[in-house]
C-alpha atoms as a PDB file:
ATOM      1  CA  MET A   1      32.261 -46.573 -30.794  1.00  0.00           C
ATOM      2  CA  LEU A   2      35.256 -45.147 -32.603  1.00  0.00           C
ATOM      3  CA  LYS A   3      34.997 -42.346 -35.144  1.00  0.00           C
ATOM      4  CA  HIS A   4      37.305 -41.599 -38.065  1.00  0.00           C
ATOM      5  CA  ALA A   5      38.699 -38.652 -36.096  1.00  0.00           C
ATOM      6  CA  ASP A   6      39.637 -41.016 -33.245  1.00  0.00           C
ATOM      7  CA  ILE A   7      41.620 -43.250 -35.592  1.00  0.00           C
ATOM      8  CA  GLU A   8      43.361 -40.283 -37.179  1.00  0.00           C
ATOM      9  CA  ARG A   9      44.229 -38.912 -33.738  1.00  0.00           C
ATOM     10  CA  ALA A  10      45.570 -42.258 -32.603  1.00  0.00           C
ATOM     11  CA  GLN A  11      47.576 -42.714 -35.789  1.00  0.00           C
ATOM     12  CA  GLY A  12      49.262 -39.355 -35.254  1.00  0.00           C
ATOM     13  CA  ILE A  13      50.351 -40.393 -31.770  1.00  0.00           C
ATOM     14  CA  VAL A  14      51.362 -43.967 -32.616  1.00  0.00           C
ATOM     15  CA  TYR A  15      53.237 -43.151 -35.811  1.00  0.00           C
ATOM     16  CA  ALA A  16      55.301 -40.525 -34.018  1.00  0.00           C
ATOM     17  CA  ALA A  17      56.856 -43.424 -32.106  1.00  0.00           C
ATOM     18  CA  MET A  18      56.784 -46.311 -34.619  1.00  0.00           C
ATOM     19  CA  PRO A  19      55.899 -47.044 -38.254  1.00  0.00           C
ATOM     20  CA  PRO A  20      52.914 -49.173 -39.263  1.00  0.00           C
ATOM     21  CA  THR A  21      53.582 -52.893 -38.999  1.00  0.00           C
ATOM     22  CA  PRO A  22      53.378 -55.092 -42.107  1.00  0.00           C
ATOM     23  CA  GLN A  23      50.670 -57.528 -43.136  1.00  0.00           C
ATOM     24  CA  TYR A  24      51.854 -60.319 -45.390  1.00  0.00           C
ATOM     25  CA  ALA A  25      50.104 -63.171 -47.199  1.00  0.00           C
ATOM     26  CA  TRP A  26      52.513 -66.075 -46.651  1.00  0.00           C
ATOM     27  CA  PRO A  27      52.448 -68.807 -49.358  1.00  0.00           C
ATOM     28  CA  LEU A  28      53.471 -71.632 -47.000  1.00  0.00           C
ATOM     29  CA  LEU A  29      50.682 -70.728 -44.585  1.00  0.00           C
ATOM     30  CA  ALA A  30      48.253 -70.769 -47.504  1.00  0.00           C
ATOM     31  CA  ALA A  31      49.465 -74.240 -48.436  1.00  0.00           C
ATOM     32  CA  ALA A  32      49.129 -75.461 -44.843  1.00  0.00           C
ATOM     33  CA  THR A  33      45.622 -74.051 -44.261  1.00  0.00           C
ATOM     34  CA  GLN A  34      44.112 -73.949 -47.780  1.00  0.00           C
ATOM     35  CA  CYS A  35      43.305 -70.267 -47.127  1.00  0.00           C
ATOM     36  CA  GLU A  36      44.775 -66.976 -48.236  1.00  0.00           C
ATOM     37  CA  CYS A  37      46.303 -66.017 -44.884  1.00  0.00           C
ATOM     38  CA  TRP A  38      47.136 -62.394 -44.173  1.00  0.00           C
ATOM     39  CA  VAL A  39      49.264 -62.150 -41.031  1.00  0.00           C
ATOM     40  CA  LYS A  40      49.273 -58.871 -39.123  1.00  0.00           C
ATOM     41  CA  HIS A  41      52.775 -58.693 -37.659  1.00  0.00           C
ATOM     42  CA  GLU A  42      52.347 -56.995 -34.303  1.00  0.00           C
ATOM     43  CA  ASN A  43      55.509 -58.808 -33.226  1.00  0.00           C
ATOM     44  CA  HIS A  44      57.321 -56.069 -35.176  1.00  0.00           C
ATOM     45  CA  THR A  45      56.568 -53.154 -32.814  1.00  0.00           C
ATOM     46  CA  PRO A  46      59.206 -51.552 -30.550  1.00  0.00           C
ATOM     47  CA  VAL A  47      58.163 -53.834 -27.665  1.00  0.00           C
ATOM     48  CA  GLY A  48      57.391 -56.886 -29.782  1.00  0.00           C
ATOM     49  CA  ALA A  49      53.613 -56.746 -29.274  1.00  0.00           C
ATOM     50  CA  PHE A  50      50.489 -54.802 -30.236  1.00  0.00           C
ATOM     51  CA  LYS A  51      49.950 -53.399 -26.742  1.00  0.00           C
ATOM     52  CA  VAL A  52      52.413 -50.545 -27.289  1.00  0.00           C
ATOM     53  CA  ARG A  53      49.878 -48.740 -29.484  1.00  0.00           C
ATOM     54  CA  GLY A  54      47.338 -48.431 -26.684  1.00  0.00           C
ATOM     55  CA  GLY A  55      49.977 -47.367 -24.178  1.00  0.00           C
ATOM     56  CA  LEU A  56      51.231 -44.620 -26.469  1.00  0.00           C
ATOM     57  CA  VAL A  57      47.761 -43.169 -26.958  1.00  0.00           C
ATOM     58  CA  HIS A  58      46.658 -43.450 -23.347  1.00  0.00           C
ATOM     59  CA  MET A  59      49.819 -41.973 -21.831  1.00  0.00           C
ATOM     60  CA  HIS A  60      49.928 -39.163 -24.402  1.00  0.00           C
ATOM     61  CA  LEU A  61      46.341 -38.183 -23.698  1.00  0.00           C
ATOM     62  CA  ARG A  62      46.954 -38.403 -19.943  1.00  0.00           C
ATOM     63  CA  LYS A  63      49.858 -35.972 -20.325  1.00  0.00           C
ATOM     64  CA  GLU A  64      47.725 -33.711 -22.525  1.00  0.00           C
ATOM     65  CA  ARG A  65      45.088 -33.578 -19.777  1.00  0.00           C
ATOM     66  CA  GLY A  66      47.714 -32.711 -17.171  1.00  0.00           C
ATOM     67  CA  GLU A  67      47.495 -36.153 -15.519  1.00  0.00           C
ATOM     68  CA  THR A  68      51.228 -36.465 -14.884  1.00  0.00           C
ATOM     69  CA  ASN A  69      51.094 -38.390 -11.615  1.00  0.00           C
ATOM     70  CA  GLY A  70      52.949 -41.707 -11.464  1.00  0.00           C
ATOM     71  CA  VAL A  71      51.019 -44.710 -12.767  1.00  0.00           C
ATOM     72  CA  ILE A  72      50.793 -48.356 -11.753  1.00  0.00           C
ATOM     73  CA  THR A  73      49.535 -51.324 -13.711  1.00  0.00           C
ATOM     74  CA  ALA A  74      49.424 -55.125 -13.665  1.00  0.00           C
ATOM     75  CA  THR A  75      50.537 -57.457 -16.415  1.00  0.00           C
ATOM     76  CA  ARG A  76      51.995 -60.758 -17.540  1.00  0.00           C
ATOM     77  CA  GLY A  77      54.307 -58.812 -19.845  1.00  0.00           C
ATOM     78  CA  ASN A  78      53.211 -56.997 -23.006  1.00  0.00           C
ATOM     79  CA  HIS A  79      50.933 -54.403 -21.397  1.00  0.00           C
ATOM     80  CA  GLY A  80      53.687 -53.983 -18.821  1.00  0.00           C
ATOM     81  CA  GLN A  81      56.145 -53.056 -21.562  1.00  0.00           C
ATOM     82  CA  SER A  82      53.651 -50.810 -23.321  1.00  0.00           C
ATOM     83  CA  ILE A  83      52.969 -48.539 -20.341  1.00  0.00           C
ATOM     84  CA  PRO A  84      56.626 -47.896 -19.334  1.00  0.00           C
ATOM     85  CA  PHE A  85      57.612 -47.416 -22.989  1.00  0.00           C
ATOM     86  CA  ALA A  86      54.935 -44.764 -23.417  1.00  0.00           C
ATOM     87  CA  ALA A  87      55.291 -43.275 -19.929  1.00  0.00           C
ATOM     88  CA  ARG A  88      58.988 -42.642 -20.441  1.00  0.00           C
ATOM     89  CA  ARG A  89      58.212 -40.713 -23.640  1.00  0.00           C
ATOM     90  CA  GLU A  90      55.828 -38.504 -21.638  1.00  0.00           C
ATOM     91  CA  GLY A  91      58.080 -38.089 -18.582  1.00  0.00           C
ATOM     92  CA  ILE A  92      55.782 -40.062 -16.255  1.00  0.00           C
ATOM     93  CA  GLU A  93      56.983 -42.605 -13.672  1.00  0.00           C
ATOM     94  CA  ALA A  94      55.600 -46.127 -14.042  1.00  0.00           C
ATOM     95  CA  THR A  95      55.307 -49.080 -11.666  1.00  0.00           C
ATOM     96  CA  VAL A  96      54.401 -52.540 -12.946  1.00  0.00           C
ATOM     97  CA  VAL A  97      53.123 -55.465 -10.862  1.00  0.00           C
ATOM     98  CA  VAL A  98      53.644 -58.971 -12.231  1.00  0.00           C
ATOM     99  CA  PRO A  99      52.627 -62.323 -10.729  1.00  0.00           C
ATOM    100  CA  LYS A 100      55.273 -64.419  -9.028  1.00  0.00           C
ATOM    101  CA  GLY A 101      57.030 -66.735 -11.441  1.00  0.00           C
ATOM    102  CA  ASN A 102      56.409 -64.403 -14.392  1.00  0.00           C
ATOM    103  CA  SER A 103      58.481 -64.633 -17.567  1.00  0.00           C
ATOM    104  CA  VAL A 104      62.087 -63.817 -16.690  1.00  0.00           C
ATOM    105  CA  GLU A 105      62.812 -62.255 -20.055  1.00  0.00           C
ATOM    106  CA  LYS A 106      59.631 -60.154 -20.038  1.00  0.00           C
ATOM    107  CA  ASN A 107      60.549 -58.916 -16.553  1.00  0.00           C
ATOM    108  CA  GLU A 108      64.007 -57.936 -17.820  1.00  0.00           C
ATOM    109  CA  ALA A 109      62.452 -56.104 -20.776  1.00  0.00           C
ATOM    110  CA  MET A 110      60.136 -54.137 -18.463  1.00  0.00           C
ATOM    111  CA  ARG A 111      62.992 -53.157 -16.145  1.00  0.00           C
ATOM    112  CA  ALA A 112      65.022 -52.036 -19.163  1.00  0.00           C
ATOM    113  CA  LEU A 113      62.240 -49.563 -19.970  1.00  0.00           C
ATOM    114  CA  GLY A 114      62.792 -47.855 -16.617  1.00  0.00           C
ATOM    115  CA  CYS A 115      59.781 -49.013 -14.609  1.00  0.00           C
ATOM    116  CA  THR A 116      59.682 -50.147 -10.994  1.00  0.00           C
ATOM    117  CA  LEU A 117      58.853 -53.866 -11.134  1.00  0.00           C
ATOM    118  CA  ILE A 118      57.053 -55.573  -8.247  1.00  0.00           C
ATOM    119  CA  GLU A 119      56.038 -59.231  -7.917  1.00  0.00           C
ATOM    120  CA  GLY A 120      52.664 -59.868  -6.303  1.00  0.00           C
ATOM    121  CA  GLY A 121      50.030 -62.600  -6.562  1.00  0.00           C
ATOM    122  CA  SER A 122      50.001 -65.990  -8.209  1.00  0.00           C
ATOM    123  CA  ASP A 123      48.394 -64.939 -11.519  1.00  0.00           C
ATOM    124  CA  PHE A 124      47.355 -61.860 -13.494  1.00  0.00           C
ATOM    125  CA  ASP A 125      44.140 -61.238 -11.607  1.00  0.00           C
ATOM    126  CA  GLU A 126      45.876 -61.378  -8.214  1.00  0.00           C
ATOM    127  CA  ALA A 127      48.619 -59.098  -9.553  1.00  0.00           C
ATOM    128  CA  ARG A 128      45.907 -56.650 -10.611  1.00  0.00           C
ATOM    129  CA  GLU A 129      44.459 -56.659  -7.094  1.00  0.00           C
ATOM    130  CA  THR A 130      47.947 -56.013  -5.695  1.00  0.00           C
ATOM    131  CA  ALA A 131      48.467 -53.124  -8.115  1.00  0.00           C
ATOM    132  CA  MET A 132      45.168 -51.533  -7.104  1.00  0.00           C
ATOM    133  CA  ARG A 133      46.084 -51.771  -3.421  1.00  0.00           C
ATOM    134  CA  LEU A 134      49.571 -50.348  -3.948  1.00  0.00           C
ATOM    135  CA  GLY A 135      48.151 -47.575  -6.083  1.00  0.00           C
ATOM    136  CA  ARG A 136      45.877 -46.486  -3.246  1.00  0.00           C
ATOM    137  CA  GLU A 137      48.677 -46.725  -0.678  1.00  0.00           C
ATOM    138  CA  GLN A 138      51.281 -44.905  -2.764  1.00  0.00           C
ATOM    139  CA  GLY A 139      49.054 -42.373  -4.501  1.00  0.00           C
ATOM    140  CA  LEU A 140      49.620 -43.801  -7.967  1.00  0.00           C
ATOM    141  CA  ASP A 141      47.055 -43.769 -10.778  1.00  0.00           C
ATOM    142  CA  MET A 142      45.930 -47.262 -11.767  1.00  0.00           C
ATOM    143  CA  VAL A 143      46.094 -48.003 -15.493  1.00  0.00           C
ATOM    144  CA  ALA A 144      43.804 -50.896 -16.332  1.00  0.00           C
ATOM    145  CA  SER A 145      44.582 -53.377 -19.110  1.00  0.00           C
ATOM    146  CA  PHE A 146      41.287 -52.464 -20.768  1.00  0.00           C
ATOM    147  CA  HIS A 147      40.369 -48.818 -21.322  1.00  0.00           C
ATOM    148  CA  PRO A 148      38.715 -46.932 -24.213  1.00  0.00           C
ATOM    149  CA  GLU A 149      41.965 -45.079 -24.974  1.00  0.00           C
ATOM    150  CA  LEU A 150      43.877 -48.359 -25.111  1.00  0.00           C
ATOM    151  CA  VAL A 151      41.304 -49.669 -27.590  1.00  0.00           C
ATOM    152  CA  MET A 152      41.630 -46.445 -29.573  1.00  0.00           C
ATOM    153  CA  GLY A 153      45.381 -47.007 -29.843  1.00  0.00           C
ATOM    154  CA  VAL A 154      45.404 -50.702 -30.727  1.00  0.00           C
ATOM    155  CA  ALA A 155      42.623 -50.124 -33.267  1.00  0.00           C
ATOM    156  CA  THR A 156      45.297 -48.582 -35.506  1.00  0.00           C
ATOM    157  CA  TYR A 157      46.635 -52.066 -36.310  1.00  0.00           C
ATOM    158  CA  ALA A 158      43.183 -53.179 -37.427  1.00  0.00           C
ATOM    159  CA  HIS A 159      42.902 -50.137 -39.674  1.00  0.00           C
ATOM    160  CA  GLU A 160      46.276 -50.968 -41.238  1.00  0.00           C
ATOM    161  CA  LEU A 161      45.234 -54.590 -41.797  1.00  0.00           C
ATOM    162  CA  PHE A 162      41.890 -53.807 -43.415  1.00  0.00           C
ATOM    163  CA  LYS A 163      43.415 -51.124 -45.639  1.00  0.00           C
ATOM    164  CA  GLY A 164      46.429 -53.232 -46.557  1.00  0.00           C
ATOM    165  CA  ALA A 165      44.888 -56.675 -47.059  1.00  0.00           C
ATOM    166  CA  GLY A 166      41.633 -55.703 -48.712  1.00  0.00           C
ATOM    167  CA  ASP A 167      38.354 -57.549 -48.238  1.00  0.00           C
ATOM    168  CA  LEU A 168      38.720 -60.343 -45.673  1.00  0.00           C
ATOM    169  CA  ASP A 169      36.114 -62.972 -44.919  1.00  0.00           C
ATOM    170  CA  THR A 170      37.272 -63.529 -41.327  1.00  0.00           C
ATOM    171  CA  VAL A 171      39.838 -62.212 -38.869  1.00  0.00           C
ATOM    172  CA  TYR A 172      41.003 -64.374 -35.952  1.00  0.00           C
ATOM    173  CA  VAL A 173      42.075 -62.404 -32.861  1.00  0.00           C
ATOM    174  CA  PRO A 174      43.494 -63.715 -29.553  1.00  0.00           C
ATOM    175  CA  ILE A 175      41.690 -62.488 -26.445  1.00  0.00           C
ATOM    176  CA  GLY A 176      43.546 -61.470 -23.300  1.00  0.00           C
ATOM    177  CA  LEU A 177      41.473 -58.850 -21.536  1.00  0.00           C
ATOM    178  CA  GLY A 178      39.951 -57.721 -24.824  1.00  0.00           C
ATOM    179  CA  SER A 179      41.471 -54.506 -26.180  1.00  0.00           C
ATOM    180  CA  GLY A 180      42.763 -56.142 -29.368  1.00  0.00           C
ATOM    181  CA  ILE A 181      39.555 -57.826 -30.475  1.00  0.00           C
ATOM    182  CA  CYS A 182      37.499 -54.776 -29.502  1.00  0.00           C
ATOM    183  CA  GLY A 183      39.759 -52.612 -31.659  1.00  0.00           C
ATOM    184  CA  VAL A 184      39.243 -54.960 -34.609  1.00  0.00           C
ATOM    185  CA  ILE A 185      35.468 -54.980 -34.131  1.00  0.00           C
ATOM    186  CA  ALA A 186      35.354 -51.189 -33.829  1.00  0.00           C
ATOM    187  CA  VAL A 187      37.345 -50.585 -37.025  1.00  0.00           C
ATOM    188  CA  ARG A 188      35.425 -53.266 -38.923  1.00  0.00           C
ATOM    189  CA  ASP A 189      32.192 -51.474 -38.022  1.00  0.00           C
ATOM    190  CA  LEU A 190      33.657 -48.022 -38.689  1.00  0.00           C
ATOM    191  CA  LEU A 191      34.675 -49.059 -42.215  1.00  0.00           C
ATOM    192  CA  GLY A 192      31.337 -50.752 -42.850  1.00  0.00           C
ATOM    193  CA  LEU A 193      32.900 -54.139 -43.605  1.00  0.00           C
ATOM    194  CA  LYS A 194      31.205 -57.529 -43.427  1.00  0.00           C
ATOM    195  CA  THR A 195      34.301 -59.323 -42.101  1.00  0.00           C
ATOM    196  CA  LYS A 196      33.566 -61.850 -39.376  1.00  0.00           C
ATOM    197  CA  VAL A 197      35.650 -61.435 -36.215  1.00  0.00           C
ATOM    198  CA  VAL A 198      36.519 -64.605 -34.297  1.00  0.00           C
ATOM    199  CA  GLY A 199      37.952 -64.452 -30.802  1.00  0.00           C
ATOM    200  CA  VAL A 200      40.474 -67.063 -29.687  1.00  0.00           C
ATOM    201  CA  VAL A 201      41.156 -68.237 -26.131  1.00  0.00           C
ATOM    202  CA  ALA A 202      43.172 -71.041 -24.567  1.00  0.00           C
ATOM    203  CA  GLU A 203      41.221 -74.091 -23.366  1.00  0.00           C
ATOM    204  CA  LYS A 204      42.886 -73.626 -19.971  1.00  0.00           C
ATOM    205  CA  ALA A 205      41.948 -69.923 -19.830  1.00  0.00           C
ATOM    206  CA  ASN A 206      38.517 -69.952 -21.416  1.00  0.00           C
ATOM    207  CA  SER A 207      36.579 -67.377 -19.386  1.00  0.00           C
ATOM    208  CA  TYR A 208      35.736 -65.313 -22.481  1.00  0.00           C
ATOM    209  CA  LYS A 209      34.399 -68.349 -24.354  1.00  0.00           C
ATOM    210  CA  LEU A 210      32.177 -69.276 -21.415  1.00  0.00           C
ATOM    211  CA  SER A 211      31.110 -65.641 -21.039  1.00  0.00           C
ATOM    212  CA  PHE A 212      30.393 -65.229 -24.764  1.00  0.00           C
ATOM    213  CA  ALA A 213      28.159 -68.305 -24.693  1.00  0.00           C
ATOM    214  CA  GLN A 214      26.191 -67.086 -21.675  1.00  0.00           C
ATOM    215  CA  GLY A 215      26.186 -63.365 -22.475  1.00  0.00           C
ATOM    216  CA  ARG A 216      27.553 -62.449 -19.062  1.00  0.00           C
ATOM    217  CA  ALA A 217      30.905 -62.462 -17.288  1.00  0.00           C
ATOM    218  CA  VAL A 218      31.827 -65.981 -16.155  1.00  0.00           C
ATOM    219  CA  PRO A 219      35.090 -66.009 -14.173  1.00  0.00           C
ATOM    220  CA  THR A 220      37.157 -69.183 -13.911  1.00  0.00           C
ATOM    221  CA  ASN A 221      39.142 -70.534 -10.974  1.00  0.00           C
ATOM    222  CA  SER A 222      42.394 -70.792 -12.917  1.00  0.00           C
ATOM    223  CA  ALA A 223      44.085 -69.745 -16.142  1.00  0.00           C
ATOM    224  CA  LEU A 224      47.001 -72.143 -16.423  1.00  0.00           C
ATOM    225  CA  SER A 225      48.029 -71.603 -20.035  1.00  0.00           C
ATOM    226  CA  PHE A 226      51.620 -71.111 -21.135  1.00  0.00           C
ATOM    227  CA  ALA A 227      50.110 -68.545 -23.532  1.00  0.00           C
ATOM    228  CA  ASP A 228      50.387 -65.895 -20.829  1.00  0.00           C
ATOM    229  CA  GLY A 229      48.893 -63.158 -23.008  1.00  0.00           C
ATOM    230  CA  MET A 230      45.563 -64.987 -22.790  1.00  0.00           C
ATOM    231  CA  ALA A 231      45.843 -66.222 -19.177  1.00  0.00           C
ATOM    232  CA  VAL A 232      42.929 -64.246 -17.701  1.00  0.00           C
ATOM    233  CA  ARG A 233      40.413 -65.589 -15.166  1.00  0.00           C
ATOM    234  CA  VAL A 234      38.044 -62.602 -14.872  1.00  0.00           C
ATOM    235  CA  PRO A 235      36.571 -61.015 -18.033  1.00  0.00           C
ATOM    236  CA  ASN A 236      36.193 -57.268 -18.370  1.00  0.00           C
ATOM    237  CA  ALA A 237      32.485 -56.410 -18.564  1.00  0.00           C
ATOM    238  CA  ASP A 238      32.896 -53.592 -21.097  1.00  0.00           C
ATOM    239  CA  ALA A 239      35.078 -55.692 -23.366  1.00  0.00           C
ATOM    240  CA  LEU A 240      32.700 -58.626 -23.110  1.00  0.00           C
ATOM    241  CA  ALA A 241      29.713 -56.486 -24.094  1.00  0.00           C
ATOM    242  CA  MET A 242      31.501 -55.392 -27.258  1.00  0.00           C
ATOM    243  CA  ILE A 243      32.627 -58.937 -28.068  1.00  0.00           C
ATOM    244  CA  VAL A 244      29.140 -60.373 -27.572  1.00  0.00           C
ATOM    245  CA  LYS A 245      27.706 -57.726 -29.877  1.00  0.00           C
ATOM    246  CA  GLY A 246      30.390 -57.755 -32.552  1.00  0.00           C
ATOM    247  CA  ALA A 247      32.151 -61.139 -32.700  1.00  0.00           C
ATOM    248  CA  ASP A 248      30.890 -64.080 -34.737  1.00  0.00           C
ATOM    249  CA  ARG A 249      32.171 -66.708 -32.291  1.00  0.00           C
ATOM    250  CA  VAL A 250      34.883 -67.502 -29.763  1.00  0.00           C
ATOM    251  CA  VAL A 251      37.077 -70.551 -30.353  1.00  0.00           C
ATOM    252  CA  ASP A 252      39.271 -72.306 -27.796  1.00  0.00           C
ATOM    253  CA  VAL A 253      42.571 -73.998 -28.624  1.00  0.00           C
ATOM    254  CA  SER A 254      44.612 -76.475 -26.622  1.00  0.00           C
ATOM    255  CA  GLU A 255      48.147 -75.986 -25.352  1.00  0.00           C
ATOM    256  CA  ASP A 256      49.402 -78.520 -27.914  1.00  0.00           C
ATOM    257  CA  GLU A 257      47.559 -76.729 -30.737  1.00  0.00           C
ATOM    258  CA  ILE A 258      49.131 -73.415 -29.723  1.00  0.00           C
ATOM    259  CA  ALA A 259      52.610 -74.951 -29.650  1.00  0.00           C
ATOM    260  CA  GLU A 260      52.108 -76.558 -33.076  1.00  0.00           C
ATOM    261  CA  ALA A 261      50.968 -73.194 -34.490  1.00  0.00           C
ATOM    262  CA  MET A 262      54.153 -71.617 -33.132  1.00  0.00           C
ATOM    263  CA  ARG A 263      56.168 -74.246 -34.981  1.00  0.00           C
ATOM    264  CA  LEU A 264      54.150 -73.693 -38.158  1.00  0.00           C
ATOM    265  CA  TYR A 265      54.740 -69.933 -37.992  1.00  0.00           C
ATOM    266  CA  PHE A 266      58.459 -70.524 -37.644  1.00  0.00           C
ATOM    267  CA  ARG A 267      58.618 -73.024 -40.514  1.00  0.00           C
ATOM    268  CA  ALA A 268      56.432 -70.948 -42.835  1.00  0.00           C
ATOM    269  CA  THR A 269      57.562 -67.404 -41.992  1.00  0.00           C
ATOM    270  CA  HIS A 270      60.619 -67.690 -39.690  1.00  0.00           C
ATOM    271  CA  ASN A 271      58.873 -65.454 -37.167  1.00  0.00           C
ATOM    272  CA  VAL A 272      59.125 -66.100 -33.434  1.00  0.00           C
ATOM    273  CA  THR A 273      55.696 -66.015 -31.790  1.00  0.00           C
ATOM    274  CA  GLU A 274      54.591 -66.175 -28.194  1.00  0.00           C
ATOM    275  CA  GLY A 275      51.682 -68.437 -27.293  1.00  0.00           C
ATOM    276  CA  ALA A 276      48.990 -65.787 -27.640  1.00  0.00           C
ATOM    277  CA  GLY A 277      50.618 -64.623 -30.870  1.00  0.00           C
ATOM    278  CA  ALA A 278      50.137 -68.054 -32.444  1.00  0.00           C
ATOM    279  CA  ALA A 279      46.622 -68.654 -31.097  1.00  0.00           C
ATOM    280  CA  ALA A 280      44.842 -67.155 -34.120  1.00  0.00           C
ATOM    281  CA  LEU A 281      46.670 -69.518 -36.459  1.00  0.00           C
ATOM    282  CA  ALA A 282      45.916 -72.439 -34.124  1.00  0.00           C
ATOM    283  CA  ALA A 283      42.214 -71.604 -34.332  1.00  0.00           C
ATOM    284  CA  LEU A 284      42.294 -71.374 -38.123  1.00  0.00           C
ATOM    285  CA  VAL A 285      43.988 -74.768 -38.362  1.00  0.00           C
ATOM    286  CA  LYS A 286      41.313 -76.165 -36.024  1.00  0.00           C
ATOM    287  CA  GLU A 287      38.556 -74.749 -38.277  1.00  0.00           C
ATOM    288  CA  GLN A 288      40.388 -75.409 -41.530  1.00  0.00           C
ATOM    289  CA  ALA A 289      37.639 -77.508 -43.096  1.00  0.00           C
ATOM    290  CA  GLN A 290      35.027 -74.755 -42.842  1.00  0.00           C
ATOM    291  CA  MET A 291      37.456 -71.961 -43.815  1.00  0.00           C
ATOM    292  CA  ALA A 292      39.014 -73.534 -46.929  1.00  0.00           C
ATOM    293  CA  GLY A 293      39.301 -71.131 -49.846  1.00  0.00           C
ATOM    294  CA  LYS A 294      38.551 -67.988 -47.824  1.00  0.00           C
ATOM    295  CA  ARG A 295      40.636 -64.834 -47.320  1.00  0.00           C
ATOM    296  CA  VAL A 296      41.583 -64.781 -43.654  1.00  0.00           C
ATOM    297  CA  GLY A 297      43.370 -62.331 -41.365  1.00  0.00           C
ATOM    298  CA  LEU A 298      45.475 -63.618 -38.464  1.00  0.00           C
ATOM    299  CA  ILE A 299      46.563 -61.303 -35.663  1.00  0.00           C
ATOM    300  CA  LEU A 300      50.084 -62.268 -34.628  1.00  0.00           C
ATOM    301  CA  SER A 301      49.783 -60.234 -31.451  1.00  0.00           C
ATOM    302  CA  GLY A 302      53.316 -60.629 -30.128  1.00  0.00           C
ATOM    303  CA  GLY A 303      56.609 -62.494 -30.161  1.00  0.00           C
ATOM    304  CA  ASN A 304      57.731 -62.187 -26.550  1.00  0.00           C
ATOM    305  CA  ILE A 305      58.460 -65.656 -25.226  1.00  0.00           C
ATOM    306  CA  ASP A 306      61.338 -66.814 -23.051  1.00  0.00           C
ATOM    307  CA  SER A 307      64.036 -68.444 -25.163  1.00  0.00           C
ATOM    308  CA  SER A 308      63.963 -71.603 -23.039  1.00  0.00           C
ATOM    309  CA  LYS A 309      60.240 -72.089 -23.697  1.00  0.00           C
ATOM    310  CA  PHE A 310      60.620 -71.403 -27.399  1.00  0.00           C
ATOM    311  CA  ALA A 311      63.416 -73.965 -27.526  1.00  0.00           C
ATOM    312  CA  GLN A 312      61.014 -76.517 -26.026  1.00  0.00           C
ATOM    313  CA  VAL A 313      58.448 -75.659 -28.696  1.00  0.00           C
ATOM    314  CA  LEU A 314      60.954 -76.114 -31.528  1.00  0.00           C
ATOM    315  CA  GLN A 315      61.918 -79.478 -30.024  1.00  0.00           C
ATOM    316  CA  GLY A 316      58.309 -80.608 -30.450  1.00  0.00           C
ATOM    317  CA  ARG A 317      57.287 -80.142 -26.833  1.00  0.00           C
ATOM    318  CA  THR A 318      54.567 -78.056 -25.190  1.00  0.00           C
ATOM    319  CA  PRO A 319      55.780 -75.808 -22.348  1.00  0.00           C
ATOM    320  CA  LEU A 320      54.086 -75.860 -18.961  1.00  0.00           C
ATOM    321  CA  ALA A 321      52.266 -72.746 -17.740  1.00  0.00           C
END
């Protein structure tokens, strides 16, 4: 559970590196969904995604504790930009493991931040296993994609949204490993709000929906979504416990629905979104009948998508995973 002092501490660290991101109520989105839609623009951070907030807090607190050893982590992209971005500010070496066939442009962005990039495994979960093994062999500290200090950092965007947008009936949040939605739940509870929090997953990477329904971690055999920020097979137990306790429901969206939401974002706001970034809007469109007339928050978690895939989306196609 976060306290007000935790948020204030995190804000001091995050805002030393970046300003708050905006939240806008877009008229064309309101017309398309029949809701008052407040979009939290986490595509406007220095790495184009919300993850940077958690990395900044975690790496700063590691340095403060004297934990200055090199770190290693696994990612499909946004977490892997967050950690090197923050590590470089603290003078700590970072190694990032990505699955084979990962986004070319995300890999280039991670290398540009000064990390050592290694390819290992066929998906995120196999890359994570590779990172853990290399960490043991090379004496590097493993940084997981879900950690209380990461949640503490990303919770700052939720605080900005709730303070900036006012009373919201519902907030839709994409779920990768869970730090984003857990941050939203924690701040909602801290502020004593009645806002419903809805998690969003891809139909082809639906482990958190299955787990939410059964109240226990239910891994899947594959996570073949082009929305790589949500392509997780194995839920995190701590994140799941918080989601089960604090979320109203978990909704799944198809690959075509995600792609159409990306097109809608571009038409209505001229913002580029990655698959996970558009998932919240896809879920709202899917539930439009029951949400009509409500004030809704949408977490646009990131805008990092390869230009070739985004071109396919704008041409009316749905990219392959």
